[in-house]
Structure formats: C-alpha cells, structure tokens
PDB file of all heavy atoms in Angstrom:
ATOM      1  N   LEU A   1      -4.078   6.704   3.258  1.00  0.00           N
ATOM      2  CA  LEU A   1      -3.566   7.652   4.227  1.00  0.00           C
ATOM      3  C   LEU A   1      -2.319   7.110   4.898  1.00  0.00           C
ATOM      4  O   LEU A   1      -1.337   7.947   4.916  1.00  0.00           O
ATOM      5  CB  LEU A   1      -4.559   7.834   5.285  1.00  0.00           C
ATOM      6  CG  LEU A   1      -5.821   8.695   4.982  1.00  0.00           C
ATOM      7  CD1 LEU A   1      -6.950   8.629   6.104  1.00  0.00           C
ATOM      8  CD2 LEU A   1      -5.460  10.150   4.618  1.00  0.00           C
ATOM      9  N   VAL A   2      -2.203   5.861   5.121  1.00  0.00           N
ATOM     10  CA  VAL A   2      -0.984   5.351   5.587  1.00  0.00           C
ATOM     11  C   VAL A   2       0.210   5.451   4.636  1.00  0.00           C
ATOM     12  O   VAL A   2       1.298   6.004   4.901  1.00  0.00           O
ATOM     13  CB  VAL A   2      -1.080   3.791   5.914  1.00  0.00           C
ATOM     14  CG1 VAL A   2       0.210   3.214   6.372  1.00  0.00           C
ATOM     15  CG2 VAL A   2      -2.160   3.605   7.055  1.00  0.00           C
ATOM     16  N   PHE A   3      -0.067   5.192   3.372  1.00  0.00           N
ATOM     17  CA  PHE A   3       0.905   5.312   2.305  1.00  0.00           C
ATOM     18  C   PHE A   3       1.472   6.697   2.243  1.00  0.00           C
ATOM     19  O   PHE A   3       2.691   6.966   2.072  1.00  0.00           O
ATOM     20  CB  PHE A   3       0.449   4.853   1.047  1.00  0.00           C
ATOM     21  CG  PHE A   3       1.330   4.861  -0.096  1.00  0.00           C
ATOM     22  CD1 PHE A   3       2.307   3.841  -0.334  1.00  0.00           C
ATOM     23  CD2 PHE A   3       1.343   5.922  -1.098  1.00  0.00           C
ATOM     24  CE1 PHE A   3       3.171   4.060  -1.399  1.00  0.00           C
ATOM     25  CE2 PHE A   3       2.171   5.970  -2.074  1.00  0.00           C
ATOM     26  CZ  PHE A   3       3.138   5.062  -2.230  1.00  0.00           C
ATOM     27  N   ASN A   4       0.470   7.618   2.274  1.00  0.00           N
ATOM     28  CA  ASN A   4       0.941   9.074   2.104  1.00  0.00           C
ATOM     29  C   ASN A   4       1.719   9.610   3.230  1.00  0.00           C
ATOM     30  O   ASN A   4       2.379  10.643   3.132  1.00  0.00           O
ATOM     31  CB  ASN A   4      -0.347   9.929   1.897  1.00  0.00           C
ATOM     32  CG  ASN A   4      -0.869   9.796   0.413  1.00  0.00           C
ATOM     33  OD1 ASN A   4      -0.159   9.356  -0.473  1.00  0.00           O
ATOM     34  ND2 ASN A   4      -2.271  10.072   0.309  1.00  0.00           N
ATOM     35  N   GLU A   5       1.693   8.914   4.365  1.00  0.00           N
ATOM     36  CA  GLU A   5       2.571   9.405   5.460  1.00  0.00           C
ATOM     37  C   GLU A   5       3.962   9.218   5.065  1.00  0.00           C
ATOM     38  O   GLU A   5       4.826   9.847   5.647  1.00  0.00           O
ATOM     39  CB  GLU A   5       2.303   8.590   6.731  1.00  0.00           C
ATOM     40  CG  GLU A   5       0.943   8.847   7.342  1.00  0.00           C
ATOM     41  CD  GLU A   5       0.827  10.337   7.936  1.00  0.00           C
ATOM     42  OE1 GLU A   5       1.906  10.903   8.248  1.00  0.00           O
ATOM     43  OE2 GLU A   5      -0.238  10.922   7.889  1.00  0.00           O
ATOM     44  N   GLY A   6       4.289   8.241   4.252  1.00  0.00           N
ATOM     45  CA  GLY A   6       5.685   8.043   3.667  1.00  0.00           C
ATOM     46  C   GLY A   6       6.584   7.529   4.676  1.00  0.00           C
ATOM     47  O   GLY A   6       6.324   6.609   5.448  1.00  0.00           O
ATOM     48  N   TYR A   7       7.809   8.065   4.943  1.00  0.00           N
ATOM     49  CA  TYR A   7       8.782   7.575   5.739  1.00  0.00           C
ATOM     50  C   TYR A   7       9.047   8.651   6.876  1.00  0.00           C
ATOM     51  O   TYR A   7       9.360   9.774   6.561  1.00  0.00           O
ATOM     52  CB  TYR A   7      10.090   7.403   5.014  1.00  0.00           C
ATOM     53  CG  TYR A   7      11.192   6.806   5.899  1.00  0.00           C
ATOM     54  CD1 TYR A   7      11.375   5.518   6.267  1.00  0.00           C
ATOM     55  CD2 TYR A   7      12.136   7.790   6.410  1.00  0.00           C
ATOM     56  CE1 TYR A   7      12.268   5.088   7.176  1.00  0.00           C
ATOM     57  CE2 TYR A   7      13.162   7.380   7.311  1.00  0.00           C
ATOM     58  CZ  TYR A   7      13.210   5.926   7.575  1.00  0.00           C
ATOM     59  OH  TYR A   7      14.215   5.594   8.573  1.00  0.00           O
ATOM     60  N   THR A   8       8.775   8.202   8.113  1.00  0.00           N
ATOM     61  CA  THR A   8       9.073   9.045   9.254  1.00  0.00           C
ATOM     62  C   THR A   8       9.581   8.273  10.376  1.00  0.00           C
ATOM     63  O   THR A   8       9.128   7.070  10.492  1.00  0.00           O
ATOM     64  CB  THR A   8       7.874   9.958   9.859  1.00  0.00           C
ATOM     65  OG1 THR A   8       6.770   9.087   9.964  1.00  0.00           O
ATOM     66  CG2 THR A   8       7.434  11.050   8.693  1.00  0.00           C
ATOM     67  N   GLY A   9      10.443   8.828  11.243  1.00  0.00           N
ATOM     68  CA  GLY A   9      10.853   7.919  12.383  1.00  0.00           C
ATOM     69  C   GLY A   9      11.621   6.730  11.922  1.00  0.00           C
ATOM     70  O   GLY A   9      12.324   6.713  10.831  1.00  0.00           O
ATOM     71  N   ASP A  10      11.308   5.603  12.586  1.00  0.00           N
ATOM     72  CA  ASP A  10      12.076   4.355  12.248  1.00  0.00           C
ATOM     73  C   ASP A  10      11.080   3.494  11.548  1.00  0.00           C
ATOM     74  O   ASP A  10      11.389   2.198  11.348  1.00  0.00           O
ATOM     75  CB  ASP A  10      12.622   3.685  13.576  1.00  0.00           C
ATOM     76  CG  ASP A  10      11.616   3.212  14.526  1.00  0.00           C
ATOM     77  OD1 ASP A  10      10.379   3.626  14.332  1.00  0.00           O
ATOM     78  OD2 ASP A  10      11.965   2.528  15.418  1.00  0.00           O
ATOM     79  N   VAL A  11       9.974   3.893  11.118  1.00  0.00           N
ATOM     80  CA  VAL A  11       9.003   3.071  10.442  1.00  0.00           C
ATOM     81  C   VAL A  11       8.737   3.542   9.055  1.00  0.00           C
ATOM     82  O   VAL A  11       8.383   4.723   8.901  1.00  0.00           O
ATOM     83  CB  VAL A  11       7.596   3.001  11.145  1.00  0.00           C
ATOM     84  CG1 VAL A  11       6.669   2.176  10.434  1.00  0.00           C
ATOM     85  CG2 VAL A  11       7.867   2.525  12.629  1.00  0.00           C
ATOM     86  N   ASP A  12       8.870   2.796   8.063  1.00  0.00           N
ATOM     87  CA  ASP A  12       8.684   3.160   6.660  1.00  0.00           C
ATOM     88  C   ASP A  12       7.146   2.849   6.427  1.00  0.00           C
ATOM     89  O   ASP A  12       6.866   1.730   6.070  1.00  0.00           O
ATOM     90  CB  ASP A  12       9.597   2.305   5.771  1.00  0.00           C
ATOM     91  CG  ASP A  12       9.425   2.749   4.352  1.00  0.00           C
ATOM     92  OD1 ASP A  12       8.515   3.462   3.939  1.00  0.00           O
ATOM     93  OD2 ASP A  12      10.428   2.375   3.591  1.00  0.00           O
ATOM     94  N   LEU A  13       6.321   3.990   6.548  1.00  0.00           N
ATOM     95  CA  LEU A  13       4.922   3.764   6.475  1.00  0.00           C
ATOM     96  C   LEU A  13       4.438   3.407   5.014  1.00  0.00           C
ATOM     97  O   LEU A  13       3.470   2.796   4.823  1.00  0.00           O
ATOM     98  CB  LEU A  13       4.189   4.901   7.056  1.00  0.00           C
ATOM     99  CG  LEU A  13       4.169   5.088   8.552  1.00  0.00           C
ATOM    100  CD1 LEU A  13       3.514   6.316   8.976  1.00  0.00           C
ATOM    101  CD2 LEU A  13       3.650   3.852   9.267  1.00  0.00           C
ATOM    102  N   ALA A  14       5.184   4.006   3.999  1.00  0.00           N
ATOM    103  CA  ALA A  14       4.868   3.690   2.624  1.00  0.00           C
ATOM    104  C   ALA A  14       5.116   2.221   2.378  1.00  0.00           C
ATOM    105  O   ALA A  14       4.228   1.567   1.754  1.00  0.00           O
ATOM    106  CB  ALA A  14       5.760   4.516   1.712  1.00  0.00           C
ATOM    107  N   ALA A  15       6.198   1.644   2.780  1.00  0.00           N
ATOM    108  CA  ALA A  15       6.363   0.241   2.588  1.00  0.00           C
ATOM    109  C   ALA A  15       5.396  -0.582   3.388  1.00  0.00           C
ATOM    110  O   ALA A  15       4.977  -1.651   2.997  1.00  0.00           O
ATOM    111  CB  ALA A  15       7.833  -0.168   3.018  1.00  0.00           C
ATOM    112  N   GLU A  16       5.098  -0.042   4.566  1.00  0.00           N
ATOM    113  CA  GLU A  16       4.172  -0.816   5.375  1.00  0.00           C
ATOM    114  C   GLU A  16       2.790  -0.821   4.796  1.00  0.00           C
ATOM    115  O   GLU A  16       2.063  -1.865   4.645  1.00  0.00           O
ATOM    116  CB  GLU A  16       4.058  -0.245   6.804  1.00  0.00           C
ATOM    117  CG  GLU A  16       3.067  -0.928   7.848  1.00  0.00           C
ATOM    118  CD  GLU A  16       3.564  -2.314   8.122  1.00  0.00           C
ATOM    119  OE1 GLU A  16       4.692  -2.812   7.820  1.00  0.00           O
ATOM    120  OE2 GLU A  16       2.670  -3.094   8.564  1.00  0.00           O
ATOM    121  N   ALA A  17       2.277   0.276   4.162  1.00  0.00           N
ATOM    122  CA  ALA A  17       1.006   0.329   3.394  1.00  0.00           C
ATOM    123  C   ALA A  17       1.072  -0.617   2.231  1.00  0.00           C
ATOM    124  O   ALA A  17      -0.034  -1.316   1.938  1.00  0.00           O
ATOM    125  CB  ALA A  17       0.843   1.685   2.990  1.00  0.00           C
ATOM    126  N   ILE A  18       2.090  -0.694   1.453  1.00  0.00           N
ATOM    127  CA  ILE A  18       2.164  -1.585   0.441  1.00  0.00           C
ATOM    128  C   ILE A  18       2.061  -3.062   0.973  1.00  0.00           C
ATOM    129  O   ILE A  18       1.385  -3.867   0.329  1.00  0.00           O
ATOM    130  CB  ILE A  18       3.472  -1.443  -0.348  1.00  0.00           C
ATOM    131  CG1 ILE A  18       3.554  -0.162  -1.091  1.00  0.00           C
ATOM    132  CG2 ILE A  18       3.741  -2.654  -1.251  1.00  0.00           C
ATOM    133  CD1 ILE A  18       4.873   0.343  -1.698  1.00  0.00           C
ATOM    134  N   ARG A  19       2.621  -3.413   2.085  1.00  0.00           N
ATOM    135  CA  ARG A  19       2.633  -4.669   2.578  1.00  0.00           C
ATOM    136  C   ARG A  19       1.214  -4.997   2.982  1.00  0.00           C
ATOM    137  O   ARG A  19       0.503  -6.177   2.667  1.00  0.00           O
ATOM    138  CB  ARG A  19       3.486  -4.885   3.791  1.00  0.00           C
ATOM    139  CG  ARG A  19       3.543  -6.324   4.393  1.00  0.00           C
ATOM    140  CD  ARG A  19       4.439  -6.384   5.582  1.00  0.00           C
ATOM    141  NE  ARG A  19       3.757  -5.725   6.780  1.00  0.00           N
ATOM    142  CZ  ARG A  19       2.987  -6.358   7.485  1.00  0.00           C
ATOM    143  NH1 ARG A  19       2.637  -7.601   7.222  1.00  0.00           N
ATOM    144  NH2 ARG A  19       2.275  -5.769   8.578  1.00  0.00           N
ATOM    145  N   LEU A  20       0.499  -4.104   3.596  1.00  0.00           N
ATOM    146  CA  LEU A  20      -0.883  -4.355   3.995  1.00  0.00           C
ATOM    147  C   LEU A  20      -1.891  -4.400   2.781  1.00  0.00           C
ATOM    148  O   LEU A  20      -2.745  -5.298   2.859  1.00  0.00           O
ATOM    149  CB  LEU A  20      -1.343  -3.185   4.845  1.00  0.00           C
ATOM    150  CG  LEU A  20      -0.672  -3.076   6.382  1.00  0.00           C
ATOM    151  CD1 LEU A  20      -1.169  -1.806   7.042  1.00  0.00           C
ATOM    152  CD2 LEU A  20      -1.023  -4.233   7.139  1.00  0.00           C
ATOM    153  N   THR A  21      -1.598  -3.635   1.712  1.00  0.00           N
ATOM    154  CA  THR A  21      -2.380  -3.577   0.659  1.00  0.00           C
ATOM    155  C   THR A  21      -2.291  -4.972  -0.141  1.00  0.00           C
ATOM    156  O   THR A  21      -3.174  -5.460  -0.723  1.00  0.00           O
ATOM    157  CB  THR A  21      -2.139  -2.434  -0.242  1.00  0.00           C
ATOM    158  OG1 THR A  21      -2.242  -1.202   0.521  1.00  0.00           O
ATOM    159  CG2 THR A  21      -3.257  -2.380  -1.441  1.00  0.00           C
ATOM    160  N   ARG A  22      -0.941  -5.435  -0.088  1.00  0.00           N
ATOM    161  CA  ARG A  22      -0.898  -6.770  -0.761  1.00  0.00           C
ATOM    162  C   ARG A  22      -1.609  -7.904  -0.027  1.00  0.00           C
ATOM    163  O   ARG A  22      -2.111  -8.652  -0.694  1.00  0.00           O
ATOM    164  CB  ARG A  22       0.727  -7.138  -0.653  1.00  0.00           C
ATOM    165  CG  ARG A  22       1.582  -6.400  -1.663  1.00  0.00           C
ATOM    166  CD  ARG A  22       2.964  -7.047  -1.697  1.00  0.00           C
ATOM    167  NE  ARG A  22       3.941  -6.331  -2.410  1.00  0.00           N
ATOM    168  CZ  ARG A  22       4.040  -6.364  -3.739  1.00  0.00           C
ATOM    169  NH1 ARG A  22       3.359  -7.081  -4.476  1.00  0.00           N
ATOM    170  NH2 ARG A  22       5.006  -5.618  -4.269  1.00  0.00           N
ATOM    171  N   GLN A  23      -1.606  -7.751   1.306  1.00  0.00           N
ATOM    172  CA  GLN A  23      -2.480  -8.769   2.052  1.00  0.00           C
ATOM    173  C   GLN A  23      -3.970  -8.641   1.606  1.00  0.00           C
ATOM    174  O   GLN A  23      -4.579  -9.701   1.384  1.00  0.00           O
ATOM    175  CB  GLN A  23      -2.232  -8.504   3.553  1.00  0.00           C
ATOM    176  CG  GLN A  23      -0.992  -8.959   4.159  1.00  0.00           C
ATOM    177  CD  GLN A  23      -0.919  -8.741   5.609  1.00  0.00           C
ATOM    178  OE1 GLN A  23      -1.969  -8.428   6.199  1.00  0.00           O
ATOM    179  NE2 GLN A  23       0.223  -8.957   6.285  1.00  0.00           N
ATOM    180  N   LEU A  24      -4.495  -7.461   1.525  1.00  0.00           N
ATOM    181  CA  LEU A  24      -5.801  -7.169   1.175  1.00  0.00           C
ATOM    182  C   LEU A  24      -6.091  -7.718  -0.138  1.00  0.00           C
ATOM    183  O   LEU A  24      -7.158  -8.388  -0.363  1.00  0.00           O
ATOM    184  CB  LEU A  24      -6.163  -5.758   1.409  1.00  0.00           C
ATOM    185  CG  LEU A  24      -7.622  -5.354   1.187  1.00  0.00           C
ATOM    186  CD1 LEU A  24      -8.453  -5.998   2.331  1.00  0.00           C
ATOM    187  CD2 LEU A  24      -7.809  -3.869   1.315  1.00  0.00           C
ATOM    188  N   ALA A  25      -5.146  -7.441  -1.194  1.00  0.00           N
ATOM    189  CA  ALA A  25      -5.359  -7.910  -2.491  1.00  0.00           C
ATOM    190  C   ALA A  25      -5.394  -9.344  -2.551  1.00  0.00           C
ATOM    191  O   ALA A  25      -6.185  -9.933  -3.474  1.00  0.00           O
ATOM    192  CB  ALA A  25      -4.263  -7.271  -3.429  1.00  0.00           C
ATOM    193  N   ALA A  26      -4.626 -10.053  -1.670  1.00  0.00           N
ATOM    194  CA  ALA A  26      -4.755 -11.528  -1.727  1.00  0.00           C
ATOM    195  C   ALA A  26      -5.954 -12.105  -1.036  1.00  0.00           C
ATOM    196  O   ALA A  26      -6.332 -13.185  -1.385  1.00  0.00           O
ATOM    197  CB  ALA A  26      -3.475 -12.069  -0.919  1.00  0.00           C
ATOM    198  N   ALA A  27      -6.703 -11.285  -0.337  1.00  0.00           N
ATOM    199  CA  ALA A  27      -7.849 -11.738   0.448  1.00  0.00           C
ATOM    200  C   ALA A  27      -9.137 -11.372  -0.274  1.00  0.00           C
ATOM    201  O   ALA A  27     -10.200 -12.075  -0.012  1.00  0.00           O
ATOM    202  CB  ALA A  27      -7.835 -11.143   1.855  1.00  0.00           C
ATOM    203  N   ILE A  28      -9.136 -10.362  -1.006  1.00  0.00           N
ATOM    204  CA  ILE A  28     -10.392  -9.896  -1.649  1.00  0.00           C
ATOM    205  C   ILE A  28     -10.144  -9.581  -3.114  1.00  0.00           C
ATOM    206  O   ILE A  28      -9.170  -8.956  -3.535  1.00  0.00           O
ATOM    207  CB  ILE A  28     -10.941  -8.625  -0.927  1.00  0.00           C
ATOM    208  CG1 ILE A  28     -12.242  -8.144  -1.525  1.00  0.00           C
ATOM    209  CG2 ILE A  28      -9.904  -7.439  -0.943  1.00  0.00           C
ATOM    210  CD1 ILE A  28     -12.863  -6.967  -0.792  1.00  0.00           C
ATOM    211  N   ASP A  29     -11.057 -10.074  -3.935  1.00  0.00           N
ATOM    212  CA  ASP A  29     -10.992  -9.838  -5.432  1.00  0.00           C
ATOM    213  C   ASP A  29     -11.677  -8.577  -5.790  1.00  0.00           C
ATOM    214  O   ASP A  29     -12.955  -8.697  -5.935  1.00  0.00           O
ATOM    215  CB  ASP A  29     -11.480 -11.081  -6.155  1.00  0.00           C
ATOM    216  CG  ASP A  29     -11.535 -10.957  -7.668  1.00  0.00           C
ATOM    217  OD1 ASP A  29     -10.562 -10.093  -8.078  1.00  0.00           O
ATOM    218  OD2 ASP A  29     -12.126 -11.679  -8.388  1.00  0.00           O
ATOM    219  N   HIS A  30     -10.986  -7.446  -5.875  1.00  0.00           N
ATOM    220  CA  HIS A  30     -11.798  -6.141  -6.045  1.00  0.00           C
ATOM    221  C   HIS A  30     -10.837  -5.323  -6.936  1.00  0.00           C
ATOM    222  O   HIS A  30      -9.661  -5.071  -6.583  1.00  0.00           O
ATOM    223  CB  HIS A  30     -12.084  -5.456  -4.735  1.00  0.00           C
ATOM    224  CG  HIS A  30     -13.037  -4.281  -4.859  1.00  0.00           C
ATOM    225  ND1 HIS A  30     -12.706  -3.108  -5.467  1.00  0.00           N
ATOM    226  CD2 HIS A  30     -14.304  -4.171  -4.412  1.00  0.00           C
ATOM    227  CE1 HIS A  30     -13.786  -2.389  -5.389  1.00  0.00           C
ATOM    228  NE2 HIS A  30     -14.710  -2.961  -4.676  1.00  0.00           N
ATOM    229  N   PRO A  31     -11.345  -4.780  -8.100  1.00  0.00           N
ATOM    230  CA  PRO A  31     -10.429  -4.000  -8.946  1.00  0.00           C
ATOM    231  C   PRO A  31      -9.940  -2.771  -8.359  1.00  0.00           C
ATOM    232  O   PRO A  31      -8.753  -2.345  -8.620  1.00  0.00           O
ATOM    233  CB  PRO A  31     -11.369  -3.598 -10.165  1.00  0.00           C
ATOM    234  CG  PRO A  31     -12.796  -3.843  -9.657  1.00  0.00           C
ATOM    235  CD  PRO A  31     -12.676  -4.968  -8.630  1.00  0.00           C
ATOM    236  N   GLU A  32     -10.586  -2.209  -7.425  1.00  0.00           N
ATOM    237  CA  GLU A  32     -10.033  -0.938  -6.794  1.00  0.00           C
ATOM    238  C   GLU A  32      -8.964  -1.200  -5.695  1.00  0.00           C
ATOM    239  O   GLU A  32      -8.056  -0.443  -5.527  1.00  0.00           O
ATOM    240  CB  GLU A  32     -11.137  -0.182  -6.064  1.00  0.00           C
ATOM    241  CG  GLU A  32     -11.781   0.870  -6.940  1.00  0.00           C
ATOM    242  CD  GLU A  32     -10.764   1.986  -7.397  1.00  0.00           C
ATOM    243  OE1 GLU A  32     -10.138   1.773  -8.331  1.00  0.00           O
ATOM    244  OE2 GLU A  32     -10.994   3.017  -6.820  1.00  0.00           O
ATOM    245  N   VAL A  33      -9.024  -2.470  -5.122  1.00  0.00           N
ATOM    246  CA  VAL A  33      -7.827  -2.751  -4.322  1.00  0.00           C
ATOM    247  C   VAL A  33      -6.640  -3.030  -5.234  1.00  0.00           C
ATOM    248  O   VAL A  33      -5.586  -2.591  -4.831  1.00  0.00           O
ATOM    249  CB  VAL A  33      -8.219  -4.139  -3.509  1.00  0.00           C
ATOM    250  CG1 VAL A  33      -7.061  -4.597  -2.770  1.00  0.00           C
ATOM    251  CG2 VAL A  33      -9.380  -4.048  -2.627  1.00  0.00           C
ATOM    252  N   ALA A  34      -6.789  -3.755  -6.384  1.00  0.00           N
ATOM    253  CA  ALA A  34      -5.807  -3.793  -7.315  1.00  0.00           C
ATOM    254  C   ALA A  34      -5.184  -2.341  -7.744  1.00  0.00           C
ATOM    255  O   ALA A  34      -4.028  -2.203  -7.941  1.00  0.00           O
ATOM    256  CB  ALA A  34      -6.103  -4.633  -8.517  1.00  0.00           C
ATOM    257  N   GLY A  35      -6.215  -1.532  -8.079  1.00  0.00           N
ATOM    258  CA  GLY A  35      -5.817  -0.257  -8.468  1.00  0.00           C
ATOM    259  C   GLY A  35      -4.927   0.504  -7.403  1.00  0.00           C
ATOM    260  O   GLY A  35      -3.980   1.241  -7.801  1.00  0.00           O
ATOM    261  N   LEU A  36      -5.308   0.410  -6.157  1.00  0.00           N
ATOM    262  CA  LEU A  36      -4.556   1.031  -5.047  1.00  0.00           C
ATOM    263  C   LEU A  36      -3.154   0.529  -5.068  1.00  0.00           C
ATOM    264  O   LEU A  36      -2.236   1.221  -4.832  1.00  0.00           O
ATOM    265  CB  LEU A  36      -5.346   0.981  -3.728  1.00  0.00           C
ATOM    266  CG  LEU A  36      -4.590   1.629  -2.557  1.00  0.00           C
ATOM    267  CD1 LEU A  36      -4.263   3.045  -2.748  1.00  0.00           C
ATOM    268  CD2 LEU A  36      -5.366   1.386  -1.175  1.00  0.00           C
ATOM    269  N   LEU A  37      -3.125  -0.816  -5.049  1.00  0.00           N
ATOM    270  CA  LEU A  37      -1.785  -1.495  -4.997  1.00  0.00           C
ATOM    271  C   LEU A  37      -0.874  -1.033  -6.144  1.00  0.00           C
ATOM    272  O   LEU A  37       0.358  -0.623  -5.983  1.00  0.00           O
ATOM    273  CB  LEU A  37      -1.865  -2.969  -5.039  1.00  0.00           C
ATOM    274  CG  LEU A  37      -0.669  -3.859  -4.895  1.00  0.00           C
ATOM    275  CD1 LEU A  37       0.221  -3.477  -3.718  1.00  0.00           C
ATOM    276  CD2 LEU A  37      -0.953  -5.323  -4.938  1.00  0.00           C
ATOM    277  N   ALA A  38      -1.399  -0.875  -7.373  1.00  0.00           N
ATOM    278  CA  ALA A  38      -0.726  -0.494  -8.542  1.00  0.00           C
ATOM    279  C   ALA A  38      -0.309   0.884  -8.369  1.00  0.00           C
ATOM    280  O   ALA A  38       0.881   1.307  -8.651  1.00  0.00           O
ATOM    281  CB  ALA A  38      -1.669  -0.629  -9.728  1.00  0.00           C
ATOM    282  N   LEU A  39      -1.093   1.830  -7.827  1.00  0.00           N
ATOM    283  CA  LEU A  39      -0.794   3.173  -7.567  1.00  0.00           C
ATOM    284  C   LEU A  39       0.402   3.286  -6.614  1.00  0.00           C
ATOM    285  O   LEU A  39       1.341   4.024  -6.851  1.00  0.00           O
ATOM    286  CB  LEU A  39      -1.999   4.034  -7.045  1.00  0.00           C
ATOM    287  CG  LEU A  39      -1.848   5.433  -6.671  1.00  0.00           C
ATOM    288  CD1 LEU A  39      -1.411   6.254  -7.913  1.00  0.00           C
ATOM    289  CD2 LEU A  39      -3.019   5.946  -5.963  1.00  0.00           C
ATOM    290  N   MET A  40       0.309   2.518  -5.541  1.00  0.00           N
ATOM    291  CA  MET A  40       1.424   2.652  -4.470  1.00  0.00           C
ATOM    292  C   MET A  40       2.648   2.129  -5.119  1.00  0.00           C
ATOM    293  O   MET A  40       3.794   2.792  -4.989  1.00  0.00           O
ATOM    294  CB  MET A  40       1.087   1.762  -3.359  1.00  0.00           C
ATOM    295  CG  MET A  40      -0.124   2.176  -2.472  1.00  0.00           C
ATOM    296  SD  MET A  40      -0.395   1.004  -1.151  1.00  0.00           S
ATOM    297  CE  MET A  40      -1.606   1.966  -0.100  1.00  0.00           C
ATOM    298  N   LEU A  41       2.635   1.009  -5.831  1.00  0.00           N
ATOM    299  CA  LEU A  41       3.917   0.597  -6.448  1.00  0.00           C
ATOM    300  C   LEU A  41       4.533   1.503  -7.478  1.00  0.00           C
ATOM    301  O   LEU A  41       5.653   1.697  -7.421  1.00  0.00           O
ATOM    302  CB  LEU A  41       3.639  -0.767  -7.200  1.00  0.00           C
ATOM    303  CG  LEU A  41       3.207  -1.970  -6.319  1.00  0.00           C
ATOM    304  CD1 LEU A  41       2.909  -3.196  -7.087  1.00  0.00           C
ATOM    305  CD2 LEU A  41       4.348  -2.343  -5.215  1.00  0.00           C
ATOM    306  N   LEU A  42       3.715   2.181  -8.289  1.00  0.00           N
ATOM    307  CA  LEU A  42       4.100   3.061  -9.294  1.00  0.00           C
ATOM    308  C   LEU A  42       4.730   4.340  -8.574  1.00  0.00           C
ATOM    309  O   LEU A  42       5.691   4.892  -9.101  1.00  0.00           O
ATOM    310  CB  LEU A  42       3.056   3.467 -10.249  1.00  0.00           C
ATOM    311  CG  LEU A  42       2.665   2.261 -11.135  1.00  0.00           C
ATOM    312  CD1 LEU A  42       1.312   2.622 -11.930  1.00  0.00           C
ATOM    313  CD2 LEU A  42       3.668   2.159 -12.228  1.00  0.00           C
ATOM    314  N   HIS A  43       4.167   4.742  -7.552  1.00  0.00           N
ATOM    315  CA  HIS A  43       4.697   5.983  -6.904  1.00  0.00           C
ATOM    316  C   HIS A  43       5.940   5.522  -6.012  1.00  0.00           C
ATOM    317  O   HIS A  43       6.888   6.332  -6.132  1.00  0.00           O
ATOM    318  CB  HIS A  43       3.660   6.525  -5.822  1.00  0.00           C
ATOM    319  CG  HIS A  43       2.625   7.383  -6.490  1.00  0.00           C
ATOM    320  ND1 HIS A  43       2.993   8.355  -7.437  1.00  0.00           N
ATOM    321  CD2 HIS A  43       1.275   7.504  -6.220  1.00  0.00           C
ATOM    322  CE1 HIS A  43       1.828   8.964  -7.809  1.00  0.00           C
ATOM    323  NE2 HIS A  43       0.902   8.545  -7.179  1.00  0.00           N
ATOM    324  N   HIS A  44       5.959   4.523  -5.379  1.00  0.00           N
ATOM    325  CA  HIS A  44       7.075   4.006  -4.659  1.00  0.00           C
ATOM    326  C   HIS A  44       8.232   3.700  -5.500  1.00  0.00           C
ATOM    327  O   HIS A  44       9.426   3.930  -5.078  1.00  0.00           O
ATOM    328  CB  HIS A  44       6.655   2.677  -3.909  1.00  0.00           C
ATOM    329  CG  HIS A  44       7.485   2.539  -2.566  1.00  0.00           C
ATOM    330  ND1 HIS A  44       7.561   3.518  -1.558  1.00  0.00           N
ATOM    331  CD2 HIS A  44       8.329   1.566  -2.239  1.00  0.00           C
ATOM    332  CE1 HIS A  44       8.336   2.978  -0.723  1.00  0.00           C
ATOM    333  NE2 HIS A  44       8.808   1.820  -1.001  1.00  0.00           N
TER     334      HIS A  44
END
C-alpha cells in the first residue's frame, strides 16, 4: 500500500517502500518478501 501511493508531496513513498522492504528482506528469509521487493524494483 505504501508503494502504491507513489510520489506525492515532498516524500517519495515508492522509494520509501522499497527502502523499508529491503530492510525487511534483510531481517527475514521469506520468498514472498523477496517477491514483493522484486515486484517493487521492476515497477520502479
């Protein structure tokens, strides 16, 4: 949901979502976390 907000105001929520998902991917070994990160990067 954060990623889909995209870019509004002075905060790039798409980039922020990618940053947060990278943190989560580093903290938890789960294929769907990796899948979401891949999806965000490919769309971005």
